[in-house]
PDB file of N, CA and C in Angstrom:
ATOM      1  N   MET A   1      22.831 -13.959   8.466  1.00  0.00           N
ATOM      2  CA  MET A   1      21.895 -14.743   7.940  1.00  0.00           C
ATOM      3  C   MET A   1      20.572 -14.400   8.788  1.00  0.00           C
ATOM      4  N   ASN A   2      20.883 -14.158   9.928  1.00  0.00           N
ATOM      5  CA  ASN A   2      19.489 -13.795  10.819  1.00  0.00           C
ATOM      6  C   ASN A   2      18.816 -12.574  10.227  1.00  0.00           C
ATOM      7  N   THR A   3      19.672 -11.612   9.844  1.00  0.00           N
ATOM      8  CA  THR A   3      18.988 -10.303   9.148  1.00  0.00           C
ATOM      9  C   THR A   3      18.402 -10.484   8.043  1.00  0.00           C
ATOM     10  N   LEU A   4      18.842 -11.665   7.230  1.00  0.00           N
ATOM     11  CA  LEU A   4      18.016 -11.895   5.995  1.00  0.00           C
ATOM     12  C   LEU A   4      16.587 -12.450   6.370  1.00  0.00           C
ATOM     13  N   TYR A   5      16.571 -13.185   7.141  1.00  0.00           N
ATOM     14  CA  TYR A   5      15.117 -13.852   7.564  1.00  0.00           C
ATOM     15  C   TYR A   5      14.325 -12.858   8.084  1.00  0.00           C
ATOM     16  N   ILE A   6      14.886 -12.187   9.063  1.00  0.00           N
ATOM     17  CA  ILE A   6      14.063 -11.064   9.746  1.00  0.00           C
ATOM     18  C   ILE A   6      13.637  -9.961   8.538  1.00  0.00           C
ATOM     19  N   SER A   7      14.507  -9.580   7.640  1.00  0.00           N
ATOM     20  CA  SER A   7      14.030  -8.682   6.742  1.00  0.00           C
ATOM     21  C   SER A   7      12.851  -9.262   5.774  1.00  0.00           C
ATOM     22  N   ILE A   8      13.032 -10.646   5.252  1.00  0.00           N
ATOM     23  CA  ILE A   8      12.001 -11.326   4.510  1.00  0.00           C
ATOM     24  C   ILE A   8      10.781 -11.281   5.199  1.00  0.00           C
ATOM     25  N   ALA A   9      10.719 -11.632   6.496  1.00  0.00           N
ATOM     26  CA  ALA A   9       9.514 -11.865   7.237  1.00  0.00           C
ATOM     27  C   ALA A   9       8.843 -10.493   7.215  1.00  0.00           C
ATOM     28  N   LEU A  10       9.709  -9.364   7.687  1.00  0.00           N
ATOM     29  CA  LEU A  10       9.034  -7.927   7.810  1.00  0.00           C
ATOM     30  C   LEU A  10       8.502  -7.546   6.265  1.00  0.00           C
ATOM     31  N   CYS A  11       9.139  -7.686   5.332  1.00  0.00           N
ATOM     32  CA  CYS A  11       8.925  -7.648   3.734  1.00  0.00           C
ATOM     33  C   CYS A  11       7.524  -7.991   3.801  1.00  0.00           C
ATOM     34  N   VAL A  12       7.273  -9.331   4.047  1.00  0.00           N
ATOM     35  CA  VAL A  12       6.048 -10.225   3.757  1.00  0.00           C
ATOM     36  C   VAL A  12       4.979  -9.549   4.674  1.00  0.00           C
ATOM     37  N   ILE A  13       5.151  -9.128   5.827  1.00  0.00           N
ATOM     38  CA  ILE A  13       4.298  -8.623   6.618  1.00  0.00           C
ATOM     39  C   ILE A  13       3.762  -7.179   6.039  1.00  0.00           C
ATOM     40  N   CYS A  14       4.804  -6.336   5.475  1.00  0.00           N
ATOM     41  CA  CYS A  14       4.428  -5.084   4.938  1.00  0.00           C
ATOM     42  C   CYS A  14       3.687  -5.207   3.528  1.00  0.00           C
ATOM     43  N   GLY A  15       3.965  -6.237   2.852  1.00  0.00           N
ATOM     44  CA  GLY A  15       3.166  -6.703   1.637  1.00  0.00           C
ATOM     45  C   GLY A  15       1.798  -7.004   1.953  1.00  0.00           C
ATOM     46  N   ILE A  16       1.400  -7.805   2.938  1.00  0.00           N
ATOM     47  CA  ILE A  16       0.164  -8.028   3.293  1.00  0.00           C
ATOM     48  C   ILE A  16      -0.541  -6.762   3.857  1.00  0.00           C
ATOM     49  N   TRP A  17       0.058  -5.904   4.697  1.00  0.00           N
ATOM     50  CA  TRP A  17      -0.493  -4.733   5.170  1.00  0.00           C
ATOM     51  C   TRP A  17      -0.776  -3.890   3.898  1.00  0.00           C
ATOM     52  N   ASN A  18       0.168  -3.965   2.739  1.00  0.00           N
ATOM     53  CA  ASN A  18      -0.172  -3.109   1.472  1.00  0.00           C
ATOM     54  C   ASN A  18      -1.467  -3.687   0.807  1.00  0.00           C
ATOM     55  N   VAL A  19      -1.479  -5.000   0.656  1.00  0.00           N
ATOM     56  CA  VAL A  19      -2.634  -5.528  -0.094  1.00  0.00           C
ATOM     57  C   VAL A  19      -4.068  -5.032   0.727  1.00  0.00           C
ATOM     58  N   VAL A  20      -3.915  -5.440   2.097  1.00  0.00           N
ATOM     59  CA  VAL A  20      -5.192  -4.897   2.810  1.00  0.00           C
ATOM     60  C   VAL A  20      -5.490  -3.593   2.685  1.00  0.00           C
ATOM     61  N   SER A  21      -4.509  -2.585   2.873  1.00  0.00           N
ATOM     62  CA  SER A  21      -4.919  -1.189   2.768  1.00  0.00           C
ATOM     63  C   SER A  21      -5.440  -0.824   1.309  1.00  0.00           C
ATOM     64  N   THR A  22      -4.829  -1.587   0.091  1.00  0.00           N
ATOM     65  CA  THR A  22      -5.244  -1.461  -1.262  1.00  0.00           C
ATOM     66  C   THR A  22      -6.690  -1.927  -1.256  1.00  0.00           C
ATOM     67  N   LEU A  23      -6.975  -2.980  -0.760  1.00  0.00           N
ATOM     68  CA  LEU A  23      -8.376  -3.382  -0.764  1.00  0.00           C
ATOM     69  C   LEU A  23      -9.231  -2.588  -0.055  1.00  0.00           C
ATOM     70  N   LEU A  24      -8.987  -2.083   1.166  1.00  0.00           N
ATOM     71  CA  LEU A  24      -9.807  -1.008   1.761  1.00  0.00           C
ATOM     72  C   LEU A  24      -9.999   0.218   0.962  1.00  0.00           C
ATOM     73  N   ILE A  25      -8.960   0.882   0.334  1.00  0.00           N
ATOM     74  CA  ILE A  25      -9.144   1.873  -0.644  1.00  0.00           C
ATOM     75  C   ILE A  25     -10.221   1.480  -1.722  1.00  0.00           C
ATOM     76  N   TYR A  26      -9.897   0.354  -2.407  1.00  0.00           N
ATOM     77  CA  TYR A  26     -10.794  -0.152  -3.349  1.00  0.00           C
ATOM     78  C   TYR A  26     -12.365  -0.149  -2.895  1.00  0.00           C
ATOM     79  N   ASN A  27     -12.419  -0.609  -1.926  1.00  0.00           N
ATOM     80  CA  ASN A  27     -13.900  -0.740  -1.273  1.00  0.00           C
ATOM     81  C   ASN A  27     -14.396   0.630  -1.052  1.00  0.00           C
ATOM     82  N   THR A  28     -13.624   1.465  -0.473  1.00  0.00           N
ATOM     83  CA  THR A  28     -14.207   2.809  -0.208  1.00  0.00           C
ATOM     84  C   THR A  28     -14.351   3.613  -1.555  1.00  0.00           C
ATOM     85  N   LEU A  29     -13.745   3.480  -2.436  1.00  0.00           N
ATOM     86  CA  LEU A  29     -13.964   4.180  -3.863  1.00  0.00           C
ATOM     87  C   LEU A  29     -15.196   3.584  -4.414  1.00  0.00           C
ATOM     88  N   LYS A  30     -15.303   2.215  -4.341  1.00  0.00           N
ATOM     89  CA  LYS A  30     -16.407   1.594  -4.894  1.00  0.00           C
ATOM     90  C   LYS A  30     -17.712   2.050  -4.066  1.00  0.00           C
ATOM     91  N   LYS A  31     -17.619   2.130  -2.750  1.00  0.00           N
ATOM     92  CA  LYS A  31     -18.831   2.698  -2.072  1.00  0.00           C
ATOM     93  C   LYS A  31     -19.119   4.049  -2.407  1.00  0.00           C
ATOM     94  N   TRP A  32     -18.300   4.895  -2.847  1.00  0.00           N
ATOM     95  CA  TRP A  32     -18.495   6.296  -3.165  1.00  0.00           C
ATOM     96  C   TRP A  32     -18.955   6.285  -4.464  1.00  0.00           C
ATOM     97  N   GLY A  33     -18.904   5.288  -5.269  1.00  0.00           N
ATOM     98  CA  GLY A  33     -19.685   5.380  -6.656  1.00  0.00           C
ATOM     99  C   GLY A  33     -18.647   5.513  -8.030  1.00  0.00           C
ATOM    100  N   PHE A  34     -17.247   5.227  -7.523  1.00  0.00           N
ATOM    101  CA  PHE A  34     -16.253   5.173  -8.558  1.00  0.00           C
ATOM    102  C   PHE A  34     -16.161   3.941  -9.210  1.00  0.00           C
ATOM    103  N   ARG A  35     -15.805   3.957 -10.312  1.00  0.00           N
ATOM    104  CA  ARG A  35     -15.552   2.732 -11.321  1.00  0.00           C
ATOM    105  C   ARG A  35     -14.228   2.296 -11.077  1.00  0.00           C
ATOM    106  N   VAL A  36     -14.003   1.039 -10.362  1.00  0.00           N
ATOM    107  CA  VAL A  36     -13.056   0.451  -9.929  1.00  0.00           C
ATOM    108  C   VAL A  36     -12.904  -0.712 -10.532  1.00  0.00           C
ATOM    109  N   ASN A  37     -11.696  -1.437 -10.917  1.00  0.00           N
ATOM    110  CA  ASN A  37     -11.811  -2.851 -11.695  1.00  0.00           C
ATOM    111  C   ASN A  37     -10.836  -3.600 -10.627  1.00  0.00           C
ATOM    112  N   PHE A  38     -11.582  -4.720 -10.177  1.00  0.00           N
ATOM    113  CA  PHE A  38     -10.882  -5.633  -9.070  1.00  0.00           C
ATOM    114  C   PHE A  38      -9.705  -6.555  -9.760  1.00  0.00           C
ATOM    115  N   LEU A  39     -10.093  -7.029 -11.173  1.00  0.00           N
ATOM    116  CA  LEU A  39      -9.154  -7.714 -11.687  1.00  0.00           C
ATOM    117  C   LEU A  39      -7.663  -7.053 -12.023  1.00  0.00           C
ATOM    118  N   TRP A  40      -7.808  -5.651 -12.085  1.00  0.00           N
ATOM    119  CA  TRP A  40      -6.486  -5.032 -12.378  1.00  0.00           C
ATOM    120  C   TRP A  40      -6.151  -4.262 -10.978  1.00  0.00           C
ATOM    121  N   LEU A  41      -6.483  -4.509 -10.051  1.00  0.00           N
ATOM    122  CA  LEU A  41      -6.239  -3.956  -8.812  1.00  0.00           C
ATOM    123  C   LEU A  41      -4.711  -3.546  -8.495  1.00  0.00           C
ATOM    124  N   ARG A  42      -3.892  -4.763  -8.655  1.00  0.00           N
ATOM    125  CA  ARG A  42      -2.442  -4.597  -8.564  1.00  0.00           C
ATOM    126  C   ARG A  42      -1.795  -3.551  -9.316  1.00  0.00           C
ATOM    127  N   LEU A  43      -2.342  -3.547 -10.482  1.00  0.00           N
ATOM    128  CA  LEU A  43      -1.688  -2.620 -11.516  1.00  0.00           C
ATOM    129  C   LEU A  43      -2.180  -1.149 -11.368  1.00  0.00           C
ATOM    130  N   LEU A  44      -3.438  -1.156 -10.870  1.00  0.00           N
ATOM    131  CA  LEU A  44      -4.025   0.158 -10.904  1.00  0.00           C
ATOM    132  C   LEU A  44      -4.179   0.748  -9.338  1.00  0.00           C
ATOM    133  N   GLY A  45      -3.736   0.197  -8.583  1.00  0.00           N
ATOM    134  CA  GLY A  45      -3.612   0.312  -7.095  1.00  0.00           C
ATOM    135  C   GLY A  45      -2.958   1.608  -6.686  1.00  0.00           C
ATOM    136  N   PRO A  46      -1.850   2.102  -7.233  1.00  0.00           N
ATOM    137  CA  PRO A  46      -1.461   3.460  -7.046  1.00  0.00           C
ATOM    138  C   PRO A  46      -2.334   4.595  -7.742  1.00  0.00           C
ATOM    139  N   LYS A  47      -2.956   4.167  -8.728  1.00  0.00           N
ATOM    140  CA  LYS A  47      -3.902   4.991  -9.241  1.00  0.00           C
ATOM    141  C   LYS A  47      -5.115   5.349  -8.315  1.00  0.00           C
ATOM    142  N   TYR A  48      -5.788   4.136  -7.888  1.00  0.00           N
ATOM    143  CA  TYR A  48      -6.638   4.315  -6.806  1.00  0.00           C
ATOM    144  C   TYR A  48      -6.353   4.906  -5.589  1.00  0.00           C
ATOM    145  N   ALA A  49      -5.194   4.860  -5.034  1.00  0.00           N
ATOM    146  CA  ALA A  49      -4.685   5.245  -3.808  1.00  0.00           C
ATOM    147  C   ALA A  49      -4.647   6.838  -3.926  1.00  0.00           C
ATOM    148  N   PHE A  50      -4.042   7.291  -4.973  1.00  0.00           N
ATOM    149  CA  PHE A  50      -3.963   8.729  -5.322  1.00  0.00           C
ATOM    150  C   PHE A  50      -5.330   9.380  -5.556  1.00  0.00           C
ATOM    151  N   LYS A  51      -6.214   8.622  -6.094  1.00  0.00           N
ATOM    152  CA  LYS A  51      -7.591   9.169  -6.292  1.00  0.00           C
ATOM    153  C   LYS A  51      -8.298   9.215  -4.836  1.00  0.00           C
ATOM    154  N   TYR A  52      -8.072   8.327  -4.043  1.00  0.00           N
ATOM    155  CA  TYR A  52      -8.423   8.432  -2.600  1.00  0.00           C
ATOM    156  C   TYR A  52      -8.095   9.467  -1.852  1.00  0.00           C
ATOM    157  N   LYS A  53      -6.714   9.870  -2.231  1.00  0.00           N
ATOM    158  CA  LYS A  53      -6.035  10.929  -1.644  1.00  0.00           C
ATOM    159  C   LYS A  53      -6.587  12.209  -1.828  1.00  0.00           C
ATOM    160  N   GLU A  54      -6.957  12.306  -3.327  1.00  0.00           N
ATOM    161  CA  GLU A  54      -7.416  13.589  -3.976  1.00  0.00           C
ATOM    162  C   GLU A  54      -8.990  13.640  -3.275  1.00  0.00           C
ATOM    163  N   ILE A  55      -9.814  12.730  -3.184  1.00  0.00           N
ATOM    164  CA  ILE A  55     -11.176  13.004  -2.959  1.00  0.00           C
ATOM    165  C   ILE A  55     -11.155  13.195  -1.482  1.00  0.00           C
ATOM    166  N   THR A  56     -10.454  12.603  -0.504  1.00  0.00           N
ATOM    167  CA  THR A  56     -10.436  13.108   0.941  1.00  0.00           C
ATOM    168  C   THR A  56     -10.059  14.104   1.148  1.00  0.00           C
ATOM    169  N   LYS A  57      -9.038  14.720   0.554  1.00  0.00           N
ATOM    170  CA  LYS A  57      -8.459  16.021   0.580  1.00  0.00           C
ATOM    171  C   LYS A  57      -9.489  17.094   0.136  1.00  0.00           C
ATOM    172  N   LYS A  58     -10.318  16.950  -0.828  1.00  0.00           N
ATOM    173  CA  LYS A  58     -11.448  17.787  -1.216  1.00  0.00           C
ATOM    174  C   LYS A  58     -12.578  17.716  -0.142  1.00  0.00           C
ATOM    175  N   GLU A  59     -12.945  16.711   0.178  1.00  0.00           N
ATOM    176  CA  GLU A  59     -14.139  16.566   1.103  1.00  0.00           C
ATOM    177  C   GLU A  59     -13.750  16.893   2.478  1.00  0.00           C
ATOM    178  N   THR A  60     -12.723  16.740   3.155  1.00  0.00           N
ATOM    179  CA  THR A  60     -12.273  16.942   4.515  1.00  0.00           C
ATOM    180  C   THR A  60     -11.237  17.975   4.805  1.00  0.00           C
ATOM    181  N   GLY A  61     -10.486  18.123   3.786  1.00  0.00           N
ATOM    182  CA  GLY A  61      -9.368  19.270   4.030  1.00  0.00           C
ATOM    183  C   GLY A  61      -8.353  18.585   4.297  1.00  0.00           C
ATOM    184  N   SER A  62      -8.151  17.227   4.575  1.00  0.00           N
ATOM    185  CA  SER A  62      -7.044  16.380   4.938  1.00  0.00           C
ATOM    186  C   SER A  62      -7.044  15.049   4.327  1.00  0.00           C
ATOM    187  N   VAL A  63      -5.829  14.449   4.165  1.00  0.00           N
ATOM    188  CA  VAL A  63      -5.635  13.313   3.437  1.00  0.00           C
ATOM    189  C   VAL A  63      -6.093  11.963   4.269  1.00  0.00           C
ATOM    190  N   GLY A  64      -7.075  11.183   3.658  1.00  0.00           N
ATOM    191  CA  GLY A  64      -7.426  10.094   4.442  1.00  0.00           C
ATOM    192  C   GLY A  64      -6.412   9.200   5.002  1.00  0.00           C
ATOM    193  N   PRO A  65      -6.764   8.538   6.085  1.00  0.00           N
ATOM    194  CA  PRO A  65      -5.807   7.486   6.837  1.00  0.00           C
ATOM    195  C   PRO A  65      -5.308   6.538   5.988  1.00  0.00           C
ATOM    196  N   LEU A  66      -6.175   6.000   4.966  1.00  0.00           N
ATOM    197  CA  LEU A  66      -5.596   4.849   4.288  1.00  0.00           C
ATOM    198  C   LEU A  66      -4.704   4.909   3.247  1.00  0.00           C
ATOM    199  N   PHE A  67      -4.494   6.249   2.729  1.00  0.00           N
ATOM    200  CA  PHE A  67      -3.541   6.540   1.901  1.00  0.00           C
ATOM    201  C   PHE A  67      -2.149   6.305   2.577  1.00  0.00           C
ATOM    202  N   TYR A  68      -2.156   7.022   4.077  1.00  0.00           N
ATOM    203  CA  TYR A  68      -0.864   6.860   4.729  1.00  0.00           C
ATOM    204  C   TYR A  68      -0.535   5.486   4.981  1.00  0.00           C
ATOM    205  N   HIS A  69      -1.549   4.683   5.133  1.00  0.00           N
ATOM    206  CA  HIS A  69      -1.137   3.224   5.322  1.00  0.00           C
ATOM    207  C   HIS A  69      -0.559   2.435   4.063  1.00  0.00           C
ATOM    208  N   TRP A  70      -1.176   3.039   2.825  1.00  0.00           N
ATOM    209  CA  TRP A  70      -0.644   2.373   1.747  1.00  0.00           C
ATOM    210  C   TRP A  70       0.635   2.804   1.295  1.00  0.00           C
ATOM    211  N   ILE A  71       1.142   4.118   1.582  1.00  0.00           N
ATOM    212  CA  ILE A  71       2.427   4.689   1.418  1.00  0.00           C
ATOM    213  C   ILE A  71       3.336   4.135   2.275  1.00  0.00           C
ATOM    214  N   VAL A  72       3.168   4.004   3.566  1.00  0.00           N
ATOM    215  CA  VAL A  72       4.059   3.463   4.477  1.00  0.00           C
ATOM    216  C   VAL A  72       4.202   2.040   4.372  1.00  0.00           C
ATOM    217  N   SER A  73       3.455   1.215   4.026  1.00  0.00           N
ATOM    218  CA  SER A  73       3.441  -0.173   3.778  1.00  0.00           C
ATOM    219  C   SER A  73       4.384  -0.579   2.716  1.00  0.00           C
ATOM    220  N   ILE A  74       4.174   0.202   1.514  1.00  0.00           N
ATOM    221  CA  ILE A  74       4.982  -0.339   0.288  1.00  0.00           C
ATOM    222  C   ILE A  74       6.436   0.310   0.423  1.00  0.00           C
ATOM    223  N   ASN A  75       6.710   1.460   0.996  1.00  0.00           N
ATOM    224  CA  ASN A  75       7.870   1.941   1.367  1.00  0.00           C
ATOM    225  C   ASN A  75       8.754   0.992   2.235  1.00  0.00           C
ATOM    226  N   LEU A  76       7.984   0.649   3.397  1.00  0.00           N
ATOM    227  CA  LEU A  76       8.745  -0.114   4.240  1.00  0.00           C
ATOM    228  C   LEU A  76       9.201  -1.594   3.646  1.00  0.00           C
ATOM    229  N   ALA A  77       8.244  -2.194   2.842  1.00  0.00           N
ATOM    230  CA  ALA A  77       8.425  -3.398   2.075  1.00  0.00           C
ATOM    231  C   ALA A  77       9.637  -3.204   1.154  1.00  0.00           C
ATOM    232  N   LEU A  78       9.902  -2.084   0.414  1.00  0.00           N
ATOM    233  CA  LEU A  78      10.973  -1.791  -0.235  1.00  0.00           C
ATOM    234  C   LEU A  78      12.308  -1.595   0.487  1.00  0.00           C
ATOM    235  N   ILE A  79      12.149  -0.997   1.684  1.00  0.00           N
ATOM    236  CA  ILE A  79      13.313  -0.948   2.526  1.00  0.00           C
ATOM    237  C   ILE A  79      13.864  -2.139   3.025  1.00  0.00           C
ATOM    238  N   PHE A  80      12.865  -2.993   3.311  1.00  0.00           N
ATOM    239  CA  PHE A  80      13.227  -4.394   3.925  1.00  0.00           C
ATOM    240  C   PHE A  80      13.805  -5.348   2.773  1.00  0.00           C
ATOM    241  N   VAL A  81      13.293  -5.131   1.570  1.00  0.00           N
ATOM    242  CA  VAL A  81      13.980  -5.845   0.559  1.00  0.00           C
ATOM    243  C   VAL A  81      15.459  -5.268   0.045  1.00  0.00           C
ATOM    244  N   ILE A  82      15.608  -4.033   0.290  1.00  0.00           N
ATOM    245  CA  ILE A  82      16.998  -3.619   0.084  1.00  0.00           C
ATOM    246  C   ILE A  82      17.982  -4.171   1.228  1.00  0.00           C
ATOM    247  N   ILE A  83      17.309  -4.154   2.459  1.00  0.00           N
ATOM    248  CA  ILE A  83      18.080  -4.619   3.602  1.00  0.00           C
ATOM    249  C   ILE A  83      18.555  -6.053   3.367  1.00  0.00           C
ATOM    250  N   ALA A  84      17.596  -6.864   2.808  1.00  0.00           N
ATOM    251  CA  ALA A  84      17.653  -8.214   2.645  1.00  0.00           C
ATOM    252  C   ALA A  84      18.861  -8.365   1.470  1.00  0.00           C
ATOM    253  N   ILE A  85      18.673  -7.648   0.495  1.00  0.00           N
ATOM    254  CA  ILE A  85      19.808  -7.834  -0.641  1.00  0.00           C
ATOM    255  C   ILE A  85      21.142  -7.361   0.054  1.00  0.00           C
ATOM    256  N   ILE A  86      21.300  -6.173   0.797  1.00  0.00           N
ATOM    257  CA  ILE A  86      22.548  -5.771   1.317  1.00  0.00           C
ATOM    258  C   ILE A  86      23.072  -6.846   2.342  1.00  0.00           C
ATOM    259  N   SER A  87      22.252  -7.480   3.087  1.00  0.00           N
ATOM    260  CA  SER A  87      22.663  -8.611   3.845  1.00  0.00           C
ATOM    261  C   SER A  87      23.375  -9.897   3.325  1.00  0.00           C
ATOM    262  N   GLN A  88      22.994  -9.868   2.211  1.00  0.00           N
ATOM    263  CA  GLN A  88      23.664 -11.161   1.246  1.00  0.00           C
ATOM    264  C   GLN A  88      25.012 -10.605   0.674  1.00  0.00           C
ATOM    265  N   LEU A  89      25.160  -9.524   0.616  1.00  0.00           N
ATOM    266  CA  LEU A  89      26.539  -9.226  -0.108  1.00  0.00           C
ATOM    267  C   LEU A  89      27.740  -9.367   0.925  1.00  0.00           C
TER     268      LEU A  89
END
Protein backbone atom coordinates (compact mmCIF):
# COMPACT_ATOMS: atom_id res chain seq x y z
CA MET A 1 0.00 0.00 0.00
CA ASN A 2 2.88 2.34 0.75
CA THR A 3 4.28 1.77 -2.76
CA LEU A 4 0.94 2.83 -4.22
CA TYR A 5 0.91 6.18 -2.43
CA ILE A 6 4.53 6.91 -3.26
CA SER A 7 3.96 6.03 -6.91
CA ILE A 8 0.89 8.25 -7.13
CA ALA A 9 2.71 11.15 -5.47
CA LEU A 10 5.68 10.81 -7.82
CA CYS A 11 3.33 10.57 -10.79
CA VAL A 12 1.63 13.82 -9.78
CA ILE A 13 5.01 15.53 -9.35
CA CYS A 14 6.11 14.34 -12.80
CA GLY A 15 2.80 15.49 -14.25
CA ILE A 16 3.30 18.98 -12.83
CA TRP A 17 6.88 18.95 -14.14
CA ASN A 18 5.55 18.03 -17.59
CA VAL A 19 2.94 20.79 -17.56
CA VAL A 20 5.56 23.36 -16.58
CA SER A 21 7.98 22.23 -19.27
CA THR A 22 5.15 22.25 -21.86
CA LEU A 23 4.26 25.82 -20.88
CA LEU A 24 7.91 26.87 -21.15
CA ILE A 25 8.13 25.32 -24.62
CA TYR A 26 4.90 27.11 -25.56
CA ASN A 27 6.26 30.46 -24.36
CA THR A 28 9.57 29.91 -26.16
CA LEU A 29 7.87 29.09 -29.46
CA LYS A 30 5.54 32.06 -29.06
CA LYS A 31 8.51 34.34 -28.37
CA TRP A 32 10.21 33.06 -31.54
CA GLY A 33 7.13 34.04 -33.57
CA PHE A 34 5.49 30.67 -34.17
CA ARG A 35 1.73 30.30 -34.07
CA VAL A 36 0.80 28.27 -31.02
CA ASN A 37 -2.65 27.70 -29.58
CA PHE A 38 -2.99 27.76 -25.81
CA LEU A 39 -6.49 26.23 -25.81
CA TRP A 40 -5.24 23.09 -27.56
CA LEU A 41 -1.94 22.95 -25.65
CA ARG A 42 -2.54 19.55 -24.01
CA LEU A 43 -3.38 18.00 -27.36
CA LEU A 44 -0.65 19.77 -29.35
CA GLY A 45 2.02 19.59 -26.62
CA PRO A 46 3.96 16.77 -28.32
CA LYS A 47 3.88 18.63 -31.64
CA TYR A 48 5.21 21.78 -29.98
CA ALA A 49 7.90 19.84 -28.12
CA PHE A 50 9.20 18.23 -31.30
CA LYS A 51 9.02 21.58 -33.12
CA TYR A 52 11.13 23.07 -30.30
CA LYS A 53 13.58 20.19 -30.71
CA GLU A 54 13.83 20.74 -34.45
CA ILE A 55 14.37 24.51 -34.15
CA THR A 56 16.99 24.31 -31.41
CA LYS A 57 18.82 21.56 -33.29
CA LYS A 58 18.99 23.76 -36.41
CA GLU A 59 20.03 26.91 -34.54
CA THR A 60 22.55 25.60 -32.02
CA GLY A 61 23.47 22.14 -33.28
CA SER A 62 22.09 20.48 -30.16
CA VAL A 63 18.66 19.87 -28.75
CA GLY A 64 17.39 22.42 -26.23
CA PRO A 65 17.10 21.44 -22.56
CA LEU A 66 13.33 21.94 -22.38
CA PHE A 67 12.80 19.04 -24.75
CA TYR A 68 14.66 16.69 -22.42
CA HIS A 69 12.66 17.96 -19.45
CA TRP A 70 9.47 17.27 -21.39
CA ILE A 71 10.51 13.73 -22.47
CA VAL A 72 11.87 12.66 -19.07
CA SER A 73 8.87 13.96 -17.12
CA ILE A 74 6.24 12.27 -19.28
CA ASN A 75 8.13 8.97 -19.32
CA LEU A 76 8.65 8.99 -15.55
CA ALA A 77 4.96 9.69 -15.03
CA LEU A 78 4.14 6.67 -17.20
CA ILE A 79 6.58 4.48 -15.26
CA PHE A 80 5.08 5.53 -11.92
CA VAL A 81 1.55 4.82 -13.17
CA ILE A 82 2.66 1.34 -14.21
CA ILE A 83 4.29 0.80 -10.80
CA ALA A 84 1.08 1.91 -9.08
CA ILE A 85 -0.96 -0.50 -11.15
CA ILE A 86 1.42 -3.39 -10.53
CA SER A 87 1.47 -2.70 -6.81
CA GLN A 88 -2.29 -3.24 -6.73
CA LEU A 89 -2.14 -6.68 -8.35
